[in-house]
Amino acid sequence: MPFDLMAHNRELDGTDDAPKRRPSYVAAPAAKSAEQERAEQAKQAELAAQMEAMRKLDALQLGAPKAKPKPTVDPRPTRPSAPETPQSPHSPQRPDGEWRCKTCSTREAAETHGDCTCPADFKFCPTCGEAAGAGVPSDKPPNPVSGDWDCPDCNEPCSAMFSYCVECGGVHPPPPPHDCAGCGEVMPHSWKFCPDCGTAATVDKVERGCKPPETTGEEADWTCTKCKDEIPGGFNFCQECGEARH
């Protein structure tokens, strides 16, 4: 069939009213096979699933709480803490080994060293004789101390400020008895006045002779009218205040 140039130009210009025909030289697209269509559908479904998964992941990341920063670890070695010193309920131990006397610290009218803190090497309080950790004072009455002394029980040297030995809790030995300066009566150290003549124990010499009062033969015990002390019947004077029998 011969090529019609004019018809071809009309077809290009859109002025040809005749039914358009596909040029013979343009190949028609081949129809897709069923297998290709299924592969494309599967690919589109996989892509849609991936998009849905990414959408859910973005939603989870937005709603999740922020992770706390990890604490930094000091690379320097730590020094082990020192063990705690056991505490006594009565005499608390100090870090340096010193201990506090409970008796002196709680006594209202007591001549103590501050809160009566005793050195670590003191086994007894020198003021009241309390043993370390005991919480009770000594049952031994203290004796007057006039200077440094050696404990009669353990020979520990003790200061004149100590009423009790810090090593064994012993007390200063009592001073020896002395004779009354008025009548020569032997007087223990605890007597402040002679019970026979009423001379004070601190008197070393009486200028004039002391004559004991005449006894009536009454041997009953009596009560001193001045200090209210109970006096044995054989005493004519109170050995505590020197008051004569009435």
Protein backbone atom coordinates (compact mmCIF):
# COMPACT_ATOMS: atom_id res chain seq x y z
CA MET A 1 0.00 0.00 0.00
CA PRO A 2 1.50 3.34 -1.05
CA PHE A 3 2.25 5.89 1.70
CA ASP A 4 -0.28 8.78 1.76
CA LEU A 5 1.70 11.84 2.88
CA MET A 6 -1.27 14.21 3.01
CA ALA A 7 -3.35 11.84 5.09
CA HIS A 8 -0.45 11.46 7.42
CA ASN A 9 -0.15 15.26 7.86
CA ARG A 10 -3.87 15.56 8.55
CA GLU A 11 -3.59 12.90 11.19
CA LEU A 12 -0.78 14.76 12.85
CA ASP A 13 -2.68 18.09 12.77
CA GLY A 14 -5.85 16.51 14.13
CA THR A 15 -7.89 17.57 11.09
CA ASP A 16 -8.47 14.09 9.83
CA ASP A 17 -12.01 12.96 10.60
CA ALA A 18 -11.29 9.46 9.54
CA PRO A 19 -10.86 6.89 12.30
CA LYS A 20 -7.36 6.99 13.58
CA ARG A 21 -5.23 4.03 13.09
CA ARG A 22 -2.16 3.11 15.00
CA PRO A 23 0.84 3.39 12.74
CA SER A 24 1.91 0.08 11.60
CA TYR A 25 5.40 0.79 12.70
CA VAL A 26 4.41 1.31 16.47
CA ALA A 27 4.33 -1.97 18.36
CA ALA A 28 1.41 -2.57 20.75
CA PRO A 29 2.36 -3.18 24.40
CA ALA A 30 2.45 -6.80 25.31
CA ALA A 31 -0.15 -7.98 27.76
CA LYS A 32 1.16 -8.79 31.28
CA SER A 33 1.08 -12.33 32.32
CA ALA A 34 -0.74 -13.45 35.50
CA GLU A 35 2.55 -14.39 37.12
CA GLN A 36 3.94 -10.85 36.62
CA GLU A 37 0.81 -9.29 38.09
CA ARG A 38 1.06 -11.51 41.18
CA ALA A 39 4.75 -10.56 41.63
CA GLU A 40 3.93 -6.85 41.40
CA GLN A 41 1.08 -7.22 43.90
CA ALA A 42 3.34 -9.10 46.34
CA LYS A 43 6.03 -6.41 46.00
CA GLN A 44 3.48 -3.66 46.66
CA ALA A 45 2.16 -5.54 49.72
CA GLU A 46 5.70 -5.98 51.08
CA LEU A 47 6.42 -2.28 50.58
CA ALA A 48 3.18 -1.35 52.37
CA ALA A 49 4.11 -3.65 55.27
CA GLN A 50 7.55 -2.02 55.56
CA MET A 51 6.00 1.44 55.62
CA GLU A 52 3.55 0.38 58.36
CA ALA A 53 6.39 -1.09 60.42
CA MET A 54 8.40 2.12 60.11
CA ARG A 55 5.35 4.16 61.17
CA LYS A 56 4.87 2.03 64.30
CA LEU A 57 8.57 2.26 65.14
CA ASP A 58 8.47 6.07 64.91
CA ALA A 59 5.43 6.14 67.21
CA LEU A 60 7.17 3.95 69.80
CA GLN A 61 10.31 6.09 69.78
CA LEU A 62 8.31 9.27 70.33
CA GLY A 63 6.34 7.83 73.28
CA ALA A 64 9.19 5.98 75.01
CA PRO A 65 10.77 7.64 78.14
CA LYS A 66 14.22 9.02 77.82
CA ALA A 67 16.94 6.70 79.04
CA LYS A 68 18.72 7.84 82.22
CA PRO A 69 22.42 8.54 81.86
CA LYS A 70 24.64 5.87 83.31
CA PRO A 71 26.51 6.95 86.45
CA THR A 72 30.14 7.62 85.95
CA VAL A 73 32.47 5.32 87.82
CA ASP A 74 35.40 6.89 89.64
CA PRO A 75 38.50 4.98 88.49
CA ARG A 76 40.34 5.88 91.69
CA PRO A 77 40.39 3.10 94.30
CA THR A 78 38.20 3.70 97.35
CA ARG A 79 39.68 3.51 100.84
CA PRO A 80 37.94 0.93 103.06
CA SER A 81 36.08 2.48 105.98
CA ALA A 82 37.47 1.91 109.46
CA PRO A 83 35.54 -0.56 111.63
CA GLU A 84 33.32 1.04 114.23
CA THR A 85 34.51 0.97 117.83
CA PRO A 86 32.15 -1.02 120.07
CA GLN A 87 30.21 1.24 122.40
CA SER A 88 29.64 0.43 126.05
CA PRO A 89 26.17 1.36 127.39
CA HIS A 90 27.69 2.88 130.55
CA SER A 91 31.07 4.25 129.52
CA PRO A 92 31.00 5.18 125.81
CA GLN A 93 34.28 4.56 124.03
CA ARG A 94 35.82 7.43 122.14
CA PRO A 95 37.63 6.98 118.80
CA ASP A 96 40.99 7.41 120.52
CA GLY A 97 40.16 4.84 123.21
CA GLU A 98 39.17 7.33 125.92
CA TRP A 99 36.05 6.57 127.96
CA ARG A 100 33.59 8.67 129.92
CA CYS A 101 32.80 7.95 133.57
CA LYS A 102 29.02 7.75 133.92
CA THR A 103 28.96 8.35 137.68
CA CYS A 104 30.92 11.61 137.64
CA SER A 105 29.27 12.87 134.46
CA THR A 106 25.75 12.49 135.90
CA ARG A 107 26.53 13.58 139.44
CA GLU A 108 25.28 17.13 140.05
CA ALA A 109 27.75 18.27 142.73
CA ALA A 110 31.00 16.53 141.81
CA GLU A 111 34.47 17.89 141.19
CA THR A 112 35.20 16.25 137.85
CA HIS A 113 37.43 16.85 134.84
CA GLY A 114 34.84 18.34 132.45
CA ASP A 115 32.60 15.42 131.57
CA CYS A 116 35.09 13.13 133.39
CA THR A 117 36.74 11.68 130.31
CA CYS A 118 39.38 9.15 131.36
CA PRO A 119 42.43 8.20 129.27
CA ALA A 120 42.43 4.86 127.52
CA ASP A 121 44.99 3.34 129.92
CA PHE A 122 42.89 4.18 133.03
CA LYS A 123 41.01 1.10 134.19
CA PHE A 124 39.25 3.01 136.98
CA CYS A 125 38.03 6.57 137.37
CA PRO A 126 40.40 8.42 139.75
CA THR A 127 37.54 10.56 141.12
CA CYS A 128 34.86 8.01 142.07
CA GLY A 129 36.54 4.64 141.48
CA GLU A 130 34.12 3.52 138.74
CA ALA A 131 35.55 0.69 136.64
CA ALA A 132 35.62 1.21 132.88
CA GLY A 133 32.30 -0.02 131.52
CA ALA A 134 30.78 -0.70 134.97
CA GLY A 135 28.67 2.42 135.39
CA VAL A 136 28.70 2.30 139.21
CA PRO A 137 31.09 4.02 141.64
CA SER A 138 33.44 2.18 143.98
CA ASP A 139 32.04 0.86 147.26
CA LYS A 140 35.26 1.82 149.04
CA PRO A 141 35.06 5.22 150.78
CA PRO A 142 37.95 7.51 149.77
CA ASN A 143 40.51 8.68 152.31
CA PRO A 144 42.14 12.12 152.49
CA VAL A 145 45.10 12.57 150.14
CA SER A 146 47.80 15.11 150.93
CA GLY A 147 50.31 14.29 148.19
CA ASP A 148 51.38 11.74 145.59
CA TRP A 149 50.91 8.21 146.87
CA ASP A 150 51.53 4.60 145.95
CA CYS A 151 48.56 2.27 145.86
CA PRO A 152 48.75 -0.11 148.84
CA ASP A 153 47.19 -2.91 146.75
CA CYS A 154 49.18 -2.82 143.48
CA ASN A 155 51.96 -0.26 144.17
CA GLU A 156 50.80 1.87 141.23
CA PRO A 157 52.11 5.47 141.56
CA CYS A 158 49.09 7.78 141.89
CA SER A 159 48.78 11.54 141.74
CA ALA A 160 47.66 13.65 144.69
CA MET A 161 44.57 14.51 142.60
CA PHE A 162 43.50 10.84 142.55
CA SER A 163 41.26 9.46 145.27
CA TYR A 164 41.34 6.00 143.66
CA CYS A 165 44.04 4.00 141.92
CA VAL A 166 43.53 4.03 138.16
CA GLU A 167 45.03 0.54 137.81
CA CYS A 168 43.13 -1.50 140.45
CA GLY A 169 40.65 0.91 142.04
CA GLY A 170 42.38 0.85 145.44
CA VAL A 171 42.09 3.78 147.84
CA HIS A 172 44.68 5.90 149.55
CA PRO A 173 45.64 4.33 152.90
CA PRO A 174 44.13 6.12 155.89
CA PRO A 175 46.48 8.30 157.89
CA PRO A 176 47.74 6.73 161.10
CA PRO A 177 45.92 7.51 164.38
CA HIS A 178 47.29 10.36 166.41
CA ASP A 179 47.11 11.37 170.05
CA CYS A 180 44.78 14.09 171.17
CA ALA A 181 46.71 17.27 171.95
CA GLY A 182 44.46 17.88 174.96
CA CYS A 183 44.25 14.58 176.80
CA GLY A 184 46.40 12.14 174.84
CA GLU A 185 43.47 10.00 173.68
CA VAL A 186 44.27 7.97 170.56
CA MET A 187 42.16 9.42 167.76
CA PRO A 188 41.51 7.75 164.38
CA HIS A 189 41.76 9.96 161.32
CA SER A 190 37.96 10.05 160.92
CA TRP A 191 37.49 11.82 164.26
CA LYS A 192 37.41 15.59 163.98
CA PHE A 193 37.20 16.14 167.75
CA CYS A 194 38.35 14.19 170.77
CA PRO A 195 35.35 12.41 172.32
CA ASP A 196 36.89 12.65 175.79
CA CYS A 197 37.88 16.33 176.06
CA GLY A 198 36.45 17.92 172.90
CA THR A 199 39.82 19.11 171.54
CA ALA A 200 39.85 19.53 167.77
CA ALA A 201 41.96 17.01 165.82
CA THR A 202 43.71 19.87 164.03
CA VAL A 203 45.13 21.21 167.30
CA ASP A 204 48.75 20.17 167.73
CA LYS A 205 49.28 21.55 171.24
CA VAL A 206 47.10 22.84 174.07
CA GLU A 207 48.62 25.64 176.15
CA ARG A 208 46.70 24.81 179.28
CA GLY A 209 45.88 21.38 180.44
CA CYS A 210 42.56 19.96 179.32
CA LYS A 211 40.49 18.39 182.05
CA PRO A 212 37.83 15.96 180.86
CA PRO A 213 34.35 16.67 182.19
CA GLU A 214 33.12 14.62 185.10
CA THR A 215 31.15 11.58 184.03
CA THR A 216 27.82 10.73 185.54
CA GLY A 217 28.12 7.04 184.87
CA GLU A 218 25.53 7.23 182.11
CA GLU A 219 26.61 4.92 179.34
CA ALA A 220 23.58 5.18 177.05
CA ASP A 221 24.05 6.40 173.49
CA TRP A 222 23.03 9.98 172.91
CA THR A 223 22.26 12.33 170.03
CA CYS A 224 24.31 15.44 169.47
CA THR A 225 22.11 18.50 169.80
CA LYS A 226 24.18 20.44 167.27
CA CYS A 227 24.75 18.09 164.34
CA LYS A 228 22.23 15.37 165.28
CA ASP A 229 24.87 12.68 165.00
CA GLU A 230 24.41 9.50 167.03
CA ILE A 231 27.15 9.32 169.67
CA PRO A 232 28.21 6.22 171.66
CA GLY A 233 27.48 6.34 175.39
CA GLY A 234 31.17 6.35 176.34
CA PHE A 235 31.82 9.65 174.49
CA ASN A 236 31.47 12.94 176.36
CA PHE A 237 31.85 15.02 173.19
CA CYS A 238 30.64 14.64 169.63
CA GLN A 239 33.55 13.44 167.50
CA GLU A 240 32.00 15.17 164.46
CA CYS A 241 31.38 18.73 165.70
CA GLY A 242 32.84 18.78 169.23
CA GLU A 243 29.55 19.52 170.99
CA ALA A 244 29.48 18.36 174.65
CA ARG A 245 26.94 15.91 175.97
CA HIS A 246 23.79 17.58 177.35
